[in-house]
Amino acid sequence: MLRFALIFGGVAGATAVILGAFAAHGLEKRLDAQALDWIETGVRYQMWHALALMGGAALMAWKPGPALSIAAIGWAVGIVLFSGALYLLAFTGIRTFAHVAPFGGVALIAGWAAVIWYGVAMKLG
């Protein structure tokens, strides 16, 4: 799971930068303000959770636990569903994608809940 968290976090971070730059410098004349806002929100959540995956990977290397694996999976699924739905909504205008984003949000929250579980269950020393 450590390898997964590092690779997925790295890919998510890189694609967040690429999509953010593309939206800021290549799409401002092709998409309306609402679509650009959706992309910006997707990029912001994707980048924060890519960083969370990196932090989770560091914790896994130090003191592994099942909660960290659950957190990594939650954040990865959340990035795909939440940010992915916003990108698809922005690029296609198909409103159905807006109904997928909340499932991604739940997955992101589940990842953070798993970190809380990890912290509560952690035994130091």
C-alpha atoms as a PDB file:
ATOM      1  CA  MET A   1       0.000   0.000   0.000  1.00  0.00           C
ATOM      2  CA  LEU A   2       2.968   2.314   0.589  1.00  0.00           C
ATOM      3  CA  ARG A   3       3.977   2.011  -3.056  1.00  0.00           C
ATOM      4  CA  PHE A   4       0.379   2.634  -4.181  1.00  0.00           C
ATOM      5  CA  ALA A   5       0.103   5.760  -2.010  1.00  0.00           C
ATOM      6  CA  LEU A   6       3.375   7.165  -3.353  1.00  0.00           C
ATOM      7  CA  ILE A   7       2.615   6.445  -7.002  1.00  0.00           C
ATOM      8  CA  PHE A   8      -1.027   7.537  -6.905  1.00  0.00           C
ATOM      9  CA  GLY A   9      -0.123  10.628  -4.871  1.00  0.00           C
ATOM     10  CA  GLY A  10       2.621  11.554  -7.323  1.00  0.00           C
ATOM     11  CA  VAL A  11       0.402  11.056 -10.369  1.00  0.00           C
ATOM     12  CA  ALA A  12      -2.432  12.982  -8.718  1.00  0.00           C
ATOM     13  CA  GLY A  13      -0.112  15.850  -7.798  1.00  0.00           C
ATOM     14  CA  ALA A  14       1.393  16.047 -11.272  1.00  0.00           C
ATOM     15  CA  THR A  15      -1.958  15.921 -13.049  1.00  0.00           C
ATOM     16  CA  ALA A  16      -3.363  18.570 -10.691  1.00  0.00           C
ATOM     17  CA  VAL A  17      -0.555  20.926 -11.709  1.00  0.00           C
ATOM     18  CA  ILE A  18      -1.050  20.100 -15.400  1.00  0.00           C
ATOM     19  CA  LEU A  19      -4.829  20.564 -15.280  1.00  0.00           C
ATOM     20  CA  GLY A  20      -4.524  23.750 -13.237  1.00  0.00           C
ATOM     21  CA  ALA A  21      -2.023  25.251 -15.659  1.00  0.00           C
ATOM     22  CA  PHE A  22      -4.022  24.132 -18.680  1.00  0.00           C
ATOM     23  CA  ALA A  23      -7.192  25.680 -17.256  1.00  0.00           C
ATOM     24  CA  ALA A  24      -5.419  28.933 -16.394  1.00  0.00           C
ATOM     25  CA  HIS A  25      -3.550  29.310 -19.668  1.00  0.00           C
ATOM     26  CA  GLY A  26      -5.339  27.305 -22.318  1.00  0.00           C
ATOM     27  CA  LEU A  27      -9.007  27.063 -21.520  1.00  0.00           C
ATOM     28  CA  GLU A  28     -10.005  30.547 -20.400  1.00  0.00           C
ATOM     29  CA  LYS A  29     -11.328  31.328 -23.897  1.00  0.00           C
ATOM     30  CA  ARG A  30     -12.966  27.936 -24.430  1.00  0.00           C
ATOM     31  CA  LEU A  31     -14.825  27.392 -21.150  1.00  0.00           C
ATOM     32  CA  ASP A  32     -17.162  29.674 -19.249  1.00  0.00           C
ATOM     33  CA  ALA A  33     -16.415  30.947 -15.753  1.00  0.00           C
ATOM     34  CA  GLN A  34     -18.520  28.230 -14.076  1.00  0.00           C
ATOM     35  CA  ALA A  35     -16.632  25.438 -15.846  1.00  0.00           C
ATOM     36  CA  LEU A  36     -13.292  27.016 -14.919  1.00  0.00           C
ATOM     37  CA  ASP A  37     -14.463  27.201 -11.291  1.00  0.00           C
ATOM     38  CA  TRP A  38     -15.300  23.484 -11.371  1.00  0.00           C
ATOM     39  CA  ILE A  39     -11.822  22.718 -12.665  1.00  0.00           C
ATOM     40  CA  GLU A  40     -10.247  24.956 -10.028  1.00  0.00           C
ATOM     41  CA  THR A  41     -12.191  23.198  -7.270  1.00  0.00           C
ATOM     42  CA  GLY A  42     -11.274  19.780  -8.640  1.00  0.00           C
ATOM     43  CA  VAL A  43      -7.593  20.716  -8.866  1.00  0.00           C
ATOM     44  CA  ARG A  44      -7.575  22.147  -5.335  1.00  0.00           C
ATOM     45  CA  TYR A  45      -9.116  19.027  -3.776  1.00  0.00           C
ATOM     46  CA  GLN A  46      -6.939  16.761  -5.897  1.00  0.00           C
ATOM     47  CA  MET A  47      -3.724  18.516  -4.867  1.00  0.00           C
ATOM     48  CA  TRP A  48      -4.547  18.590  -1.164  1.00  0.00           C
ATOM     49  CA  HIS A  49      -5.373  14.900  -1.206  1.00  0.00           C
ATOM     50  CA  ALA A  50      -2.295  14.062  -3.274  1.00  0.00           C
ATOM     51  CA  LEU A  51      -0.290  15.705  -0.490  1.00  0.00           C
ATOM     52  CA  ALA A  52      -2.315  13.786   2.093  1.00  0.00           C
ATOM     53  CA  LEU A  53      -1.404  10.565   0.279  1.00  0.00           C
ATOM     54  CA  MET A  54       2.263  11.516   0.519  1.00  0.00           C
ATOM     55  CA  GLY A  55       1.898  12.182   4.238  1.00  0.00           C
ATOM     56  CA  GLY A  56       0.029   8.908   4.644  1.00  0.00           C
ATOM     57  CA  ALA A  57       2.841   7.119   2.833  1.00  0.00           C
ATOM     58  CA  ALA A  58       5.372   8.656   5.225  1.00  0.00           C
ATOM     59  CA  LEU A  59       3.301   7.428   8.175  1.00  0.00           C
ATOM     60  CA  MET A  60       3.028   3.969   6.587  1.00  0.00           C
ATOM     61  CA  ALA A  61       6.815   3.811   6.323  1.00  0.00           C
ATOM     62  CA  TRP A  62       7.159   4.806   9.984  1.00  0.00           C
ATOM     63  CA  LYS A  63       4.331   2.917  11.666  1.00  0.00           C
ATOM     64  CA  PRO A  64       2.028   1.020   9.294  1.00  0.00           C
ATOM     65  CA  GLY A  65      -1.547   0.234  10.144  1.00  0.00           C
ATOM     66  CA  PRO A  66      -4.724  -0.832   8.375  1.00  0.00           C
ATOM     67  CA  ALA A  67      -6.302   2.576   8.939  1.00  0.00           C
ATOM     68  CA  LEU A  68      -3.641   4.190   6.753  1.00  0.00           C
ATOM     69  CA  SER A  69      -4.407   1.777   3.939  1.00  0.00           C
ATOM     70  CA  ILE A  70      -8.086   2.643   4.230  1.00  0.00           C
ATOM     71  CA  ALA A  71      -7.204   6.346   4.221  1.00  0.00           C
ATOM     72  CA  ALA A  72      -5.095   5.948   1.075  1.00  0.00           C
ATOM     73  CA  ILE A  73      -7.857   4.067  -0.711  1.00  0.00           C
ATOM     74  CA  GLY A  74     -10.458   6.604   0.404  1.00  0.00           C
ATOM     75  CA  TRP A  75      -8.389   9.515  -0.832  1.00  0.00           C
ATOM     76  CA  ALA A  76      -7.584   7.835  -4.150  1.00  0.00           C
ATOM     77  CA  VAL A  77     -11.219   6.917  -4.791  1.00  0.00           C
ATOM     78  CA  GLY A  78     -12.270  10.382  -3.663  1.00  0.00           C
ATOM     79  CA  ILE A  79      -9.878  12.090  -6.061  1.00  0.00           C
ATOM     80  CA  VAL A  80     -11.123  10.018  -8.975  1.00  0.00           C
ATOM     81  CA  LEU A  81     -14.813  10.443  -8.165  1.00  0.00           C
ATOM     82  CA  PHE A  82     -14.884  14.011  -6.819  1.00  0.00           C
ATOM     83  CA  SER A  83     -12.284  15.755  -8.940  1.00  0.00           C
ATOM     84  CA  GLY A  84     -12.922  13.506 -11.928  1.00  0.00           C
ATOM     85  CA  ALA A  85     -16.633  14.291 -11.858  1.00  0.00           C
ATOM     86  CA  LEU A  86     -15.918  18.026 -11.730  1.00  0.00           C
ATOM     87  CA  TYR A  87     -13.512  17.785 -14.659  1.00  0.00           C
ATOM     88  CA  LEU A  88     -15.980  15.778 -16.722  1.00  0.00           C
ATOM     89  CA  LEU A  89     -18.744  18.220 -15.844  1.00  0.00           C
ATOM     90  CA  ALA A  90     -16.560  21.174 -16.870  1.00  0.00           C
ATOM     91  CA  PHE A  91     -15.368  19.635 -20.145  1.00  0.00           C
ATOM     92  CA  THR A  92     -18.629  18.025 -21.277  1.00  0.00           C
ATOM     93  CA  GLY A  93     -21.364  20.076 -19.612  1.00  0.00           C
ATOM     94  CA  ILE A  94     -23.176  16.827 -18.800  1.00  0.00           C
ATOM     95  CA  ARG A  95     -24.919  17.534 -15.488  1.00  0.00           C
ATOM     96  CA  THR A  96     -25.114  13.855 -14.536  1.00  0.00           C
ATOM     97  CA  PHE A  97     -21.471  14.053 -13.479  1.00  0.00           C
ATOM     98  CA  ALA A  98     -22.461  16.503 -10.745  1.00  0.00           C
ATOM     99  CA  HIS A  99     -24.285  13.612  -9.046  1.00  0.00           C
ATOM    100  CA  VAL A 100     -21.071  11.571  -8.828  1.00  0.00           C
ATOM    101  CA  ALA A 101     -19.055  14.222  -6.974  1.00  0.00           C
ATOM    102  CA  PRO A 102     -20.766  13.716  -3.582  1.00  0.00           C
ATOM    103  CA  PHE A 103     -19.714  10.052  -3.587  1.00  0.00           C
ATOM    104  CA  GLY A 104     -16.155  11.232  -4.043  1.00  0.00           C
ATOM    105  CA  GLY A 105     -16.607  13.667  -1.183  1.00  0.00           C
ATOM    106  CA  VAL A 106     -17.777  10.834   1.062  1.00  0.00           C
ATOM    107  CA  ALA A 107     -14.680   8.818   0.100  1.00  0.00           C
ATOM    108  CA  LEU A 108     -12.426  11.786   0.938  1.00  0.00           C
ATOM    109  CA  ILE A 109     -14.120  12.181   4.316  1.00  0.00           C
ATOM    110  CA  ALA A 110     -13.783   8.432   4.938  1.00  0.00           C
ATOM    111  CA  GLY A 111     -10.043   8.785   4.333  1.00  0.00           C
ATOM    112  CA  TRP A 112      -9.816  11.490   6.985  1.00  0.00           C
ATOM    113  CA  ALA A 113     -11.948   9.418   9.364  1.00  0.00           C
ATOM    114  CA  ALA A 114      -9.458   6.576   8.913  1.00  0.00           C
ATOM    115  CA  VAL A 115      -6.644   8.936   9.902  1.00  0.00           C
ATOM    116  CA  ILE A 116      -8.591   9.794  13.059  1.00  0.00           C
ATOM    117  CA  TRP A 117      -8.938   6.050  13.723  1.00  0.00           C
ATOM    118  CA  TYR A 118      -5.193   5.638  13.204  1.00  0.00           C
ATOM    119  CA  GLY A 119      -4.460   8.419  15.665  1.00  0.00           C
ATOM    120  CA  VAL A 120      -6.832   7.076  18.317  1.00  0.00           C
ATOM    121  CA  ALA A 121      -5.515   3.529  17.986  1.00  0.00           C
ATOM    122  CA  MET A 122      -1.833   4.510  17.764  1.00  0.00           C
ATOM    123  CA  LYS A 123       0.453   3.186  20.447  1.00  0.00           C
ATOM    124  CA  LEU A 124       3.723   5.053  20.723  1.00  0.00           C
ATOM    125  CA  GLY A 125       6.830   3.684  22.328  1.00  0.00           C
END
